[in-house]
Amino acid sequence: MASGASSDIADPGLAAAGMARIGWARRSMPVLGLIGERFAAEQSLGGLTIAACLHVTAETAALVHVLRAGGARVFLAASNPLSTQDDIAAALVADGAAVVYARAGADRLTYDEHIHRALDGRPAQHAAYAASRVARSGARRVRVDHHRRDQVAPDSQ
């Protein structure tokens, strides 16, 4: 689904380390795994595009894999550049789980751009896609919704 060219991450070379950490998170979250099995069987999220603004951590990556298993297309922006784990971002891109816009320590301009790109719900070169669902964590993404992207806010969850 995702290609490295459409994501904005710090270092694709960190993917192997990130995959190991995501594996640990998935093993530590058995209920999420059961939900993922159900979603995979039912394809209950098929056809949905989900824009998520969440902390980019191993636990979030486990959730992204569940969404993908259910058939969703996922665009992930970091909700806080200070908590972004670059190895996790790289792993999500490498295994095709999500288009990721996240870099640890990103400046404000880059951070805002990442949120907008995820809300657009499409890689920069594919204008035909639009996010159909929005997941959020933190007030920053909510402020962007209501002040600059009000067309997104009514359907936000």
Protein backbone atom coordinates (compact mmCIF):
# COMPACT_ATOMS: atom_id res chain seq x y z
CA MET A 1 0.00 0.00 0.00
CA ALA A 2 2.49 2.59 1.12
CA SER A 3 5.63 3.51 -0.69
CA GLY A 4 8.68 5.09 0.84
CA ALA A 5 8.55 7.86 -1.79
CA SER A 6 5.25 9.22 -0.51
CA SER A 7 6.12 9.15 3.19
CA ASP A 8 8.29 11.62 5.07
CA ILE A 9 10.40 9.77 7.62
CA ALA A 10 13.88 10.33 9.01
CA ASP A 11 15.74 7.15 8.08
CA PRO A 12 14.39 4.12 6.20
CA GLY A 13 17.47 2.22 7.40
CA LEU A 14 15.96 1.99 10.88
CA ALA A 15 13.14 -0.31 9.72
CA ALA A 16 14.60 -3.60 11.00
CA ALA A 17 14.94 -2.26 14.53
CA GLY A 18 11.41 -0.87 14.35
CA MET A 19 9.98 -4.17 13.13
CA ALA A 20 11.51 -5.98 16.10
CA ARG A 21 9.94 -3.48 18.51
CA ILE A 22 6.56 -3.70 16.76
CA GLY A 23 6.73 -7.48 17.08
CA TRP A 24 7.23 -7.10 20.82
CA ALA A 25 4.24 -4.73 21.06
CA ARG A 26 2.02 -7.07 19.08
CA ARG A 27 2.95 -10.02 21.31
CA SER A 28 2.21 -7.87 24.36
CA MET A 29 -1.25 -6.86 23.13
CA PRO A 30 -3.14 -10.15 22.65
CA VAL A 31 -6.62 -8.60 22.63
CA LEU A 32 -5.61 -6.27 19.81
CA GLY A 33 -4.34 -9.34 17.99
CA LEU A 34 -7.75 -11.02 18.32
CA ILE A 35 -9.42 -7.90 16.95
CA GLY A 36 -6.96 -7.95 14.06
CA GLU A 37 -7.85 -11.56 13.26
CA ARG A 38 -11.54 -10.66 13.20
CA PHE A 39 -10.95 -7.58 11.06
CA ALA A 40 -8.85 -9.64 8.61
CA ALA A 41 -11.60 -12.23 8.26
CA GLU A 42 -14.42 -9.71 7.87
CA GLN A 43 -12.57 -6.95 5.99
CA SER A 44 -14.84 -4.59 7.90
CA LEU A 45 -12.69 -1.55 7.08
CA GLY A 46 -12.32 -2.32 3.38
CA GLY A 47 -12.51 0.79 1.24
CA LEU A 48 -11.92 3.21 4.12
CA THR A 49 -9.03 5.62 4.23
CA ILE A 50 -8.03 6.54 7.77
CA ALA A 51 -6.00 9.62 8.62
CA ALA A 52 -4.46 9.18 12.05
CA CYS A 53 -2.58 11.73 14.11
CA LEU A 54 -1.13 9.67 16.94
CA HIS A 55 2.08 9.14 18.86
CA VAL A 56 4.30 7.10 16.55
CA THR A 57 5.22 4.25 18.89
CA ALA A 58 5.36 0.47 18.71
CA GLU A 59 1.91 0.26 20.30
CA THR A 60 0.44 2.62 17.69
CA ALA A 61 2.09 0.53 14.98
CA ALA A 62 0.32 -2.55 16.32
CA LEU A 63 -2.98 -0.67 15.97
CA VAL A 64 -2.09 0.43 12.43
CA HIS A 65 -1.49 -3.21 11.50
CA VAL A 66 -4.96 -4.10 12.81
CA LEU A 67 -6.53 -1.34 10.72
CA ARG A 68 -4.66 -2.57 7.65
CA ALA A 69 -5.72 -6.16 8.35
CA GLY A 70 -9.30 -4.92 8.22
CA GLY A 71 -8.74 -3.46 4.78
CA ALA A 72 -8.19 0.22 5.62
CA ARG A 73 -5.69 2.46 3.90
CA VAL A 74 -3.82 4.34 6.66
CA PHE A 75 -2.07 7.72 6.64
CA LEU A 76 -0.24 8.45 9.89
CA ALA A 77 1.10 11.78 11.14
CA ALA A 78 2.88 12.19 14.45
CA SER A 79 0.85 13.88 17.15
CA ASN A 80 4.05 14.92 18.92
CA PRO A 81 7.46 15.12 17.25
CA LEU A 82 9.09 14.75 20.67
CA SER A 83 7.62 11.27 21.16
CA THR A 84 8.07 10.09 17.57
CA GLN A 85 10.12 6.92 17.26
CA ASP A 86 11.92 7.05 13.91
CA ASP A 87 12.53 3.30 13.79
CA ILE A 88 8.79 2.65 14.12
CA ALA A 89 7.98 5.13 11.36
CA ALA A 90 10.53 3.43 9.11
CA ALA A 91 9.12 -0.03 9.84
CA LEU A 92 5.55 1.04 9.04
CA VAL A 93 6.69 2.38 5.68
CA ALA A 94 8.93 -0.61 4.92
CA ASP A 95 6.21 -3.18 5.49
CA GLY A 96 3.56 -1.15 3.66
CA ALA A 97 1.32 -0.72 6.69
CA ALA A 98 0.90 3.05 6.31
CA VAL A 99 1.98 6.19 4.58
CA VAL A 100 3.83 7.93 7.41
CA TYR A 101 4.58 11.61 7.98
CA ALA A 102 6.67 11.63 11.13
CA ARG A 103 10.16 12.64 12.16
CA ALA A 104 11.49 12.88 15.70
CA GLY A 105 12.21 16.50 16.54
CA ALA A 106 10.44 17.92 13.48
CA ASP A 107 10.11 21.71 13.49
CA ARG A 108 6.69 23.36 13.70
CA LEU A 109 6.37 23.97 9.96
CA THR A 110 7.18 20.34 9.11
CA TYR A 111 4.91 19.07 11.87
CA ASP A 112 1.97 21.12 10.54
CA GLU A 113 2.66 19.99 6.97
CA HIS A 114 2.68 16.36 8.11
CA ILE A 115 -0.73 16.77 9.72
CA HIS A 116 -2.15 18.35 6.57
CA ARG A 117 -0.73 15.62 4.34
CA ALA A 118 -2.29 12.92 6.52
CA LEU A 119 -5.62 14.76 6.53
CA ASP A 120 -5.46 15.00 2.76
CA GLY A 121 -5.41 11.22 2.97
CA ARG A 122 -3.19 10.73 -0.02
CA PRO A 123 0.42 10.60 -1.01
CA ALA A 124 1.54 13.95 -2.41
CA GLN A 125 1.51 12.63 -5.97
CA HIS A 126 -1.97 11.00 -5.82
CA ALA A 127 -4.62 13.69 -5.46
CA ALA A 128 -7.51 11.30 -6.12
CA TYR A 129 -7.64 9.92 -2.58
CA ALA A 130 -9.31 11.62 0.38
CA ALA A 131 -9.46 10.46 3.99
CA SER A 132 -12.83 9.03 4.95
CA ARG A 133 -12.15 8.69 8.70
CA VAL A 134 -9.96 10.62 11.09
CA ALA A 135 -8.37 9.36 14.30
CA ARG A 136 -6.73 11.85 16.59
CA SER A 137 -4.63 12.20 19.67
CA GLY A 138 -3.98 15.58 21.18
CA ALA A 139 -5.33 19.06 20.86
CA ARG A 140 -2.99 20.20 18.08
CA ARG A 141 -4.70 18.08 15.41
CA VAL A 142 -8.10 19.18 16.71
CA ARG A 143 -7.06 22.83 16.43
CA VAL A 144 -5.94 22.28 12.85
CA ASP A 145 -9.29 20.63 12.07
CA HIS A 146 -11.39 23.43 13.46
CA HIS A 147 -9.34 26.43 12.42
CA ARG A 148 -7.93 25.51 9.05
CA ARG A 149 -9.60 22.26 7.94
CA ASP A 150 -13.20 22.69 9.04
CA GLN A 151 -14.41 20.35 6.27
CA VAL A 152 -12.70 17.49 8.15
CA ALA A 153 -14.03 18.21 11.64
CA PRO A 154 -17.69 17.17 11.22
CA ASP A 155 -16.72 13.55 10.43
CA SER A 156 -13.83 13.31 12.91
CA GLN A 157 -13.93 10.50 15.43
